[in-house]
Amino acid sequence: MNNLIERILAAQYRSLLFPKDICGDAIFGFECNDGWGDLIQATLWLVQRRTPLSALDVEVTQVKEKFGQLRIYHRGGDESIGAAFEIAEVVSGSVCEMCGMPGGVISVDGWLQARCSQHSAAGKIARVKNVKNNDNYIASYVEAVDAILSFFGEGAVLWVQQDRTAFAGRRPCELLATEEGCQAIYLMLKRLEYGVGV
């Protein structure tokens, strides 16, 4: 991952990424491409927001790509924290790891990788420079996943993986790859919460 993105994440989420006894500037060492930067930031923001509510101690030990999906290994937390990390893993299969656009897991030279149509073609494997973060997407993702965790509890991860009639047969994990999809999920869950028909 780009050093600038790593530094930003390390500064903003220091309490999640480093043991308490480490001081000064430190680099965490994210082992994935820049396209998942927004997804990582949104997930860390959500976890950081949820941990003080339950007085939880969470430490992220490793973030990497494995079999075309994001893996975030951690210690501590509760079921909802674990579910937040699992949802990010599932969603990452629908986000291009190179540029952050919607995509899917494909085989590239025998390796499973999450790519959009632009980066799945032969010769388009080169790293994308200057992937910019999308603050609106990050905020919408946090809002949507927080609502999913609150509404479905232990069933949240399963809910995002299955086709849903409310979304024209699409899986919520695919919708969570875009700002518009996150907003659609949030709106639908709020309607259900308040008893408004979908």
Protein backbone atom coordinates (compact mmCIF):
# COMPACT_ATOMS: atom_id res chain seq x y z
CA MET A 1 0.00 0.00 0.00
CA ASN A 2 1.07 3.57 -0.70
CA ASN A 3 3.14 5.02 2.17
CA LEU A 4 0.98 8.15 2.40
CA ILE A 5 -2.21 6.11 2.81
CA GLU A 6 -0.47 3.93 5.40
CA ARG A 7 0.71 6.97 7.37
CA ILE A 8 -2.79 8.48 7.38
CA LEU A 9 -4.36 5.23 8.57
CA ALA A 10 -1.63 4.72 11.19
CA ALA A 11 -2.17 8.23 12.56
CA GLN A 12 -5.99 8.07 12.62
CA TYR A 13 -6.33 4.55 14.01
CA ARG A 14 -3.22 4.28 16.16
CA SER A 15 -5.12 2.79 19.11
CA LEU A 16 -6.35 -0.10 16.93
CA LEU A 17 -3.16 -0.75 14.97
CA PHE A 18 -0.37 -0.53 17.53
CA PRO A 19 0.23 -1.88 21.03
CA LYS A 20 -0.03 0.78 23.72
CA ASP A 21 3.74 0.80 24.39
CA ILE A 22 4.73 1.87 20.84
CA CYS A 23 5.30 5.61 20.52
CA GLY A 24 6.39 7.91 17.72
CA ASP A 25 5.68 7.57 14.01
CA ALA A 26 5.21 3.97 13.01
CA ILE A 27 4.13 2.25 9.82
CA PHE A 28 1.71 -0.63 10.19
CA GLY A 29 2.54 -2.44 6.94
CA PHE A 30 -0.72 -3.06 5.10
CA GLU A 31 -0.16 -5.94 2.69
CA CYS A 32 -2.65 -5.05 -0.04
CA ASN A 33 -3.13 -2.60 -2.89
CA ASP A 34 -4.44 0.95 -2.53
CA GLY A 35 -7.91 0.25 -3.95
CA TRP A 36 -9.04 -1.18 -0.62
CA GLY A 37 -7.89 1.92 1.30
CA ASP A 38 -11.42 3.34 1.67
CA LEU A 39 -12.82 -0.01 2.76
CA ILE A 40 -10.06 -0.40 5.37
CA GLN A 41 -10.52 3.15 6.62
CA ALA A 42 -14.30 2.74 6.85
CA THR A 43 -13.95 -0.54 8.75
CA LEU A 44 -11.40 0.87 11.20
CA TRP A 45 -13.59 3.96 11.75
CA LEU A 46 -16.62 1.74 12.46
CA VAL A 47 -14.67 -0.48 14.86
CA GLN A 48 -13.11 2.51 16.62
CA ARG A 49 -16.58 4.03 16.98
CA ARG A 50 -18.10 0.83 18.41
CA THR A 51 -15.32 -0.17 20.84
CA PRO A 52 -15.77 2.58 23.47
CA LEU A 53 -19.51 1.84 23.66
CA SER A 54 -18.79 -1.61 25.07
CA ALA A 55 -15.43 -0.79 26.68
CA LEU A 56 -13.74 -3.24 24.31
CA ASP A 57 -10.03 -3.56 23.72
CA VAL A 58 -9.34 -4.36 20.05
CA GLU A 59 -5.97 -4.68 18.33
CA VAL A 60 -5.62 -5.23 14.58
CA THR A 61 -2.63 -7.53 14.07
CA GLN A 62 -2.47 -7.88 10.27
CA VAL A 63 -4.19 -6.53 7.15
CA LYS A 64 -3.51 -8.30 3.87
CA GLU A 65 -4.90 -9.72 0.64
CA LYS A 66 -5.56 -13.46 0.52
CA PHE A 67 -7.42 -15.39 -2.19
CA GLY A 68 -8.69 -12.18 -3.76
CA GLN A 69 -10.18 -10.78 -0.57
CA LEU A 70 -9.13 -8.49 2.23
CA ARG A 71 -8.21 -10.16 5.52
CA ILE A 72 -8.13 -8.16 8.75
CA TYR A 73 -6.80 -10.21 11.66
CA HIS A 74 -7.43 -8.90 15.15
CA ARG A 75 -7.45 -9.66 18.86
CA GLY A 76 -10.18 -8.69 21.28
CA GLY A 77 -13.58 -7.22 20.65
CA ASP A 78 -16.92 -8.98 20.59
CA GLU A 79 -19.16 -10.61 17.98
CA SER A 80 -20.12 -7.29 16.39
CA ILE A 81 -16.47 -6.30 15.95
CA GLY A 82 -15.70 -9.68 14.41
CA ALA A 83 -18.72 -9.31 12.14
CA ALA A 84 -17.57 -5.82 11.01
CA PHE A 85 -14.23 -7.31 9.92
CA GLU A 86 -15.95 -10.28 8.23
CA ILE A 87 -18.30 -7.97 6.33
CA ALA A 88 -15.29 -5.98 5.06
CA GLU A 89 -13.75 -9.26 3.89
CA VAL A 90 -16.89 -10.22 1.96
CA VAL A 91 -17.33 -6.72 0.50
CA SER A 92 -13.69 -6.60 -0.65
CA GLY A 93 -14.47 -9.29 -3.22
CA SER A 94 -16.70 -6.69 -4.94
CA VAL A 95 -14.14 -3.85 -4.83
CA CYS A 96 -11.18 -3.58 -7.22
CA GLU A 97 -8.03 -3.81 -5.11
CA MET A 98 -6.21 -1.64 -7.66
CA CYS A 99 -8.53 1.40 -7.93
CA GLY A 100 -11.45 0.94 -5.51
CA MET A 101 -14.15 0.75 -8.21
CA PRO A 102 -16.81 -2.01 -8.14
CA GLY A 103 -15.50 -5.32 -9.41
CA GLY A 104 -15.30 -9.02 -8.67
CA VAL A 105 -12.86 -11.80 -7.90
CA ILE A 106 -11.15 -13.20 -11.00
CA SER A 107 -8.14 -15.39 -11.71
CA VAL A 108 -5.08 -13.48 -12.95
CA ASP A 109 -2.20 -15.75 -13.92
CA GLY A 110 -3.54 -18.39 -11.52
CA TRP A 111 -3.99 -15.96 -8.60
CA LEU A 112 -7.42 -14.89 -7.31
CA GLN A 113 -7.65 -11.11 -7.30
CA ALA A 114 -10.45 -8.54 -6.93
CA ARG A 115 -10.55 -6.41 -10.06
CA CYS A 116 -12.85 -4.09 -11.97
CA SER A 117 -13.35 -4.52 -15.72
CA GLN A 118 -10.64 -1.96 -16.47
CA HIS A 119 -7.99 -3.78 -14.39
CA SER A 120 -8.95 -7.34 -15.27
CA ALA A 121 -7.76 -7.17 -18.88
CA ALA A 122 -4.33 -8.55 -19.79
CA GLY A 123 -1.62 -5.94 -19.30
CA LYS A 124 -3.69 -3.90 -16.81
CA ILE A 125 -2.02 -5.35 -13.73
CA ALA A 126 0.22 -2.34 -13.04
CA ARG A 127 -0.32 -0.49 -9.78
CA VAL A 128 -2.62 2.53 -9.93
CA LYS A 129 -0.97 5.74 -8.76
CA ASN A 130 -2.67 8.30 -6.53
CA VAL A 131 -5.83 6.48 -5.53
CA LYS A 132 -7.80 9.19 -3.72
CA ASN A 133 -10.01 8.43 -0.77
CA ASN A 134 -13.74 9.03 -1.05
CA ASP A 135 -14.97 10.51 2.22
CA ASN A 136 -18.64 10.22 1.18
CA TYR A 137 -18.25 6.49 0.47
CA ILE A 138 -16.44 5.95 3.76
CA ALA A 139 -19.18 7.72 5.76
CA SER A 140 -21.97 5.90 3.88
CA TYR A 141 -20.28 2.52 4.41
CA VAL A 142 -19.88 3.13 8.16
CA GLU A 143 -23.52 4.20 8.46
CA ALA A 144 -24.82 1.19 6.46
CA VAL A 145 -22.69 -1.47 8.17
CA ASP A 146 -23.45 -0.02 11.60
CA ALA A 147 -27.18 -0.30 10.77
CA ILE A 148 -26.70 -3.89 9.50
CA LEU A 149 -24.87 -4.89 12.69
CA SER A 150 -27.53 -3.27 14.89
CA PHE A 151 -30.46 -4.71 12.95
CA PHE A 152 -29.26 -8.28 12.34
CA GLY A 153 -26.78 -8.90 15.17
CA GLU A 154 -25.26 -12.37 14.86
CA GLY A 155 -26.87 -12.87 11.43
CA ALA A 156 -25.30 -9.74 9.89
CA VAL A 157 -22.54 -11.51 7.94
CA LEU A 158 -24.95 -14.07 6.51
CA TRP A 159 -27.42 -11.31 5.58
CA VAL A 160 -24.87 -9.43 3.45
CA GLN A 161 -23.92 -12.62 1.56
CA GLN A 162 -27.35 -13.71 0.34
CA ASP A 163 -29.43 -12.46 -2.58
CA ARG A 164 -32.10 -10.04 -1.41
CA THR A 165 -35.45 -9.40 -3.11
CA ALA A 166 -35.46 -5.83 -1.77
CA PHE A 167 -32.37 -5.17 -3.91
CA ALA A 168 -33.61 -6.84 -7.11
CA GLY A 169 -31.91 -10.12 -6.23
CA ARG A 170 -28.50 -8.55 -5.57
CA ARG A 171 -26.39 -9.35 -2.53
CA PRO A 172 -25.87 -6.51 -0.02
CA CYS A 173 -22.09 -7.16 -0.10
CA GLU A 174 -22.11 -6.04 -3.76
CA LEU A 175 -24.10 -2.92 -2.91
CA LEU A 176 -21.68 -2.04 -0.09
CA ALA A 177 -19.00 -1.51 -2.76
CA THR A 178 -20.54 1.84 -3.76
CA GLU A 179 -21.78 4.95 -1.96
CA GLU A 180 -25.20 4.65 -3.61
CA GLY A 181 -25.51 1.00 -2.59
CA CYS A 182 -24.60 1.81 1.02
CA GLN A 183 -27.25 4.53 1.07
CA ALA A 184 -29.87 2.14 -0.39
CA ILE A 185 -29.15 -0.43 2.34
CA TYR A 186 -29.26 2.20 5.09
CA LEU A 187 -32.56 3.63 3.82
CA MET A 188 -34.17 0.18 3.56
CA LEU A 189 -33.12 -0.77 7.11
CA LYS A 190 -34.35 2.54 8.52
CA ARG A 191 -37.70 2.00 6.82
CA LEU A 192 -37.94 -1.46 8.36
CA GLU A 193 -36.96 -0.08 11.74
CA TYR A 194 -39.78 2.45 11.65
CA GLY A 195 -42.33 0.04 10.14
CA VAL A 196 -42.50 1.65 6.70
CA GLY A 197 -43.09 -0.81 3.83
CA VAL A 198 -40.22 -1.39 1.50
